[in-house]
Protein backbone atom coordinates (compact mmCIF):
# COMPACT_ATOMS: atom_id res chain seq x y z
CA MET A 1 6.36 -53.78 46.32
CA ASN A 2 7.74 -53.72 42.75
CA ASN A 3 4.58 -54.83 40.95
CA GLN A 4 2.93 -51.72 42.67
CA LEU A 5 6.01 -49.69 41.42
CA ALA A 6 5.45 -51.18 37.04
CA LEU A 7 1.53 -50.25 38.05
CA PHE A 8 2.11 -46.77 39.02
CA GLN A 9 4.71 -46.23 36.41
CA GLN A 10 2.34 -47.77 33.78
CA LEU A 11 -0.61 -45.82 34.35
CA ALA A 12 1.66 -42.59 34.83
CA GLU A 13 2.85 -43.08 31.27
CA THR A 14 -1.17 -44.08 30.00
CA LYS A 15 -2.62 -40.52 28.40
CA TRP A 16 -5.97 -40.73 29.74
CA THR A 17 -9.01 -40.20 27.62
CA ASP A 18 -12.65 -41.09 28.04
CA GLU A 19 -12.20 -42.75 24.81
CA CYS A 20 -13.23 -46.45 26.21
CA TYR A 21 -15.53 -48.01 24.50
CA THR A 22 -17.69 -51.19 25.78
CA PRO A 23 -16.71 -54.82 24.97
CA LYS A 24 -18.66 -57.26 22.54
CA TRP A 25 -19.38 -59.66 24.73
CA ILE A 26 -21.73 -57.24 27.15
CA PHE A 27 -23.89 -57.15 24.13
CA ASP A 28 -23.82 -60.64 23.25
CA LYS A 29 -25.27 -61.12 26.96
CA LEU A 30 -27.19 -58.56 26.65
CA GLN A 31 -28.91 -59.67 23.50
CA LEU A 32 -30.71 -56.18 23.31
CA HIS A 33 -30.99 -54.24 20.31
CA PHE A 34 -31.05 -49.87 20.98
CA ASP A 35 -32.69 -47.07 20.13
CA LEU A 36 -29.97 -44.40 20.85
CA ASP A 37 -26.77 -44.23 22.37
CA PRO A 38 -26.20 -40.68 23.22
CA ALA A 39 -22.67 -40.95 24.31
CA ALA A 40 -21.39 -42.75 21.43
CA PRO A 41 -17.35 -42.83 20.25
CA PRO A 42 -16.85 -40.94 16.94
CA HIS A 43 -16.50 -43.54 14.96
CA PRO A 44 -19.01 -46.95 14.60
CA THR A 45 -18.46 -49.50 17.09
CA HIS A 46 -20.07 -52.84 17.94
CA VAL A 47 -23.42 -51.17 19.93
CA PRO A 48 -25.96 -52.76 18.51
CA CYS A 49 -28.06 -49.10 18.34
CA THR A 50 -29.82 -47.34 15.40
CA ASN A 51 -29.23 -44.04 16.36
CA HIS A 52 -25.89 -42.12 17.83
CA TYR A 53 -25.23 -38.76 19.10
CA THR A 54 -21.38 -37.78 19.58
CA ILE A 55 -19.06 -35.67 21.29
CA ASN A 56 -20.02 -33.45 17.80
CA ASP A 57 -23.96 -33.60 18.67
CA ASN A 58 -22.92 -33.14 22.34
CA GLY A 59 -26.46 -35.93 23.62
CA LEU A 60 -26.92 -34.58 27.02
CA THR A 61 -28.58 -31.72 24.75
CA GLN A 62 -30.12 -33.60 22.00
CA PRO A 63 -33.44 -35.28 22.34
CA TRP A 64 -33.53 -39.26 23.79
CA HIS A 65 -35.71 -41.68 22.36
CA GLY A 66 -36.76 -45.60 22.91
CA ARG A 67 -34.82 -47.79 24.67
CA ILE A 68 -30.73 -46.34 25.41
CA TRP A 69 -27.40 -47.58 25.44
CA LEU A 70 -25.45 -45.16 27.96
CA ASN A 71 -21.85 -45.24 28.32
CA PRO A 72 -21.09 -42.42 29.56
CA PRO A 73 -17.74 -40.32 29.43
CA PHE A 74 -16.31 -41.52 32.95
CA SER A 75 -14.27 -38.08 33.90
CA ASN A 76 -18.06 -36.84 34.52
CA PRO A 77 -20.86 -39.25 34.30
CA ALA A 78 -22.85 -37.04 36.65
CA PRO A 79 -25.03 -35.21 34.07
CA TRP A 80 -25.33 -38.70 31.49
CA ILE A 81 -26.56 -40.54 35.13
CA GLU A 82 -29.10 -37.70 35.67
CA ARG A 83 -30.31 -37.74 32.27
CA PHE A 84 -30.56 -41.17 32.14
CA LEU A 85 -32.78 -41.79 35.37
CA GLN A 86 -34.90 -39.05 33.93
CA HIS A 87 -35.31 -41.10 31.00
CA ARG A 88 -36.09 -44.13 32.14
CA ASN A 89 -35.68 -46.54 29.68
CA GLY A 90 -32.23 -48.22 29.01
CA ILE A 91 -29.20 -49.71 30.03
CA ALA A 92 -25.75 -47.55 31.54
CA MET A 93 -22.69 -48.35 32.48
CA PHE A 94 -20.42 -46.39 34.66
CA PRO A 95 -17.67 -46.23 37.51
CA PHE A 96 -18.56 -46.80 41.18
CA SER A 97 -18.30 -44.10 43.12
CA LYS A 98 -19.02 -42.33 46.25
CA SER A 99 -20.52 -39.54 44.64
CA HIS A 100 -24.42 -37.58 44.90
CA TRP A 101 -25.27 -38.92 41.27
CA PHE A 102 -24.44 -42.75 42.56
CA ILE A 103 -26.34 -42.16 45.21
CA LYS A 104 -29.36 -41.10 43.22
CA ILE A 105 -28.80 -44.24 40.80
CA TRP A 106 -28.58 -46.65 44.08
CA ASP A 107 -31.73 -45.57 45.51
CA ASP A 108 -34.09 -45.16 42.51
CA PRO A 109 -36.64 -47.55 43.01
CA ASP A 110 -37.11 -48.95 39.76
CA THR A 111 -33.09 -49.64 38.82
CA GLU A 112 -31.53 -52.82 39.19
CA LEU A 113 -27.84 -52.55 39.39
CA LEU A 114 -25.17 -55.16 38.80
CA TYR A 115 -21.45 -54.89 39.57
CA THR A 116 -19.90 -55.82 36.23
CA SER A 117 -16.36 -57.03 34.96
CA ASN A 118 -14.21 -59.60 33.14
CA PRO A 119 -13.96 -62.93 34.55
CA GLY A 120 -11.15 -62.96 37.53
CA GLN A 121 -10.46 -59.00 37.25
CA VAL A 122 -11.18 -56.16 38.70
CA GLY A 123 -13.06 -54.02 36.19
CA ILE A 124 -13.77 -54.32 32.32
CA LYS A 125 -11.28 -54.59 29.65
CA PHE A 126 -12.56 -51.70 27.30
CA HIS A 127 -11.56 -51.31 23.66
CA ARG A 128 -9.73 -47.98 23.24
CA PRO A 129 -8.70 -46.63 19.50
CA ASP A 130 -4.75 -47.29 20.31
CA GLY A 131 -5.84 -51.38 21.55
CA TYR A 132 -7.33 -52.44 24.86
CA ALA A 133 -7.66 -50.41 28.43
CA GLN A 134 -8.17 -52.21 31.39
CA ILE A 135 -10.54 -49.82 33.97
CA THR A 136 -8.98 -51.00 36.99
CA HIS A 137 -11.88 -50.04 39.28
CA PRO A 138 -15.19 -51.32 39.86
CA ILE A 139 -17.31 -50.56 36.80
CA CYS A 140 -21.51 -51.29 37.37
CA THR A 141 -24.11 -51.22 35.28
CA ALA A 142 -27.81 -50.34 35.72
CA ALA A 143 -31.11 -51.08 33.87
CA ILE A 144 -34.17 -49.38 34.22
CA GLY A 145 -37.48 -50.81 32.34
CA LYS A 146 -38.95 -54.82 32.37
CA GLU A 147 -36.92 -55.78 29.70
CA ASN A 148 -33.52 -54.26 30.30
CA ILE A 149 -33.60 -55.22 33.71
CA GLU A 150 -34.11 -58.89 32.08
CA ALA A 151 -31.22 -58.14 30.23
CA LEU A 152 -29.07 -56.79 32.88
CA ARG A 153 -29.76 -60.41 34.98
CA ASN A 154 -28.79 -62.32 31.48
CA LEU A 155 -25.31 -60.43 31.93
CA GLY A 156 -24.92 -61.07 35.55
CA ARG A 157 -25.06 -64.80 34.47
CA THR A 158 -22.17 -67.07 34.66
CA ARG A 159 -20.44 -67.18 30.83
């Protein structure tokens, strides 16, 4: 019981932010280069990508092109996932959810999904501007497009 109390206290003291960046090992396993990250952080990260839209660019209103890497704001992934499904080329990482947007991506016949986590953990240890942040809920990665699906399968293989 003390462990649960400590966890709740830690969560209460943590400031929520959507600024959680995908760890490098994900990209090392995918072995892909992306044309666009439409939900990129305001400063460069290790995402292997040619073009980026930040919050200042509002990637939802900009044109998307080529292979997309998408790690949308977890506070509101619905419009990003909808746009990803319309674009039909890329890889997206998002929280598992009992929601309409999740059911859409789950039911899409051209999309392959993978439960993604650090070995031995529930979620993924994302990077944050102030250090690491452990996301404690299940994370899903989805791919649309033949090369992207094969890369997703690489991600699912044991390290």
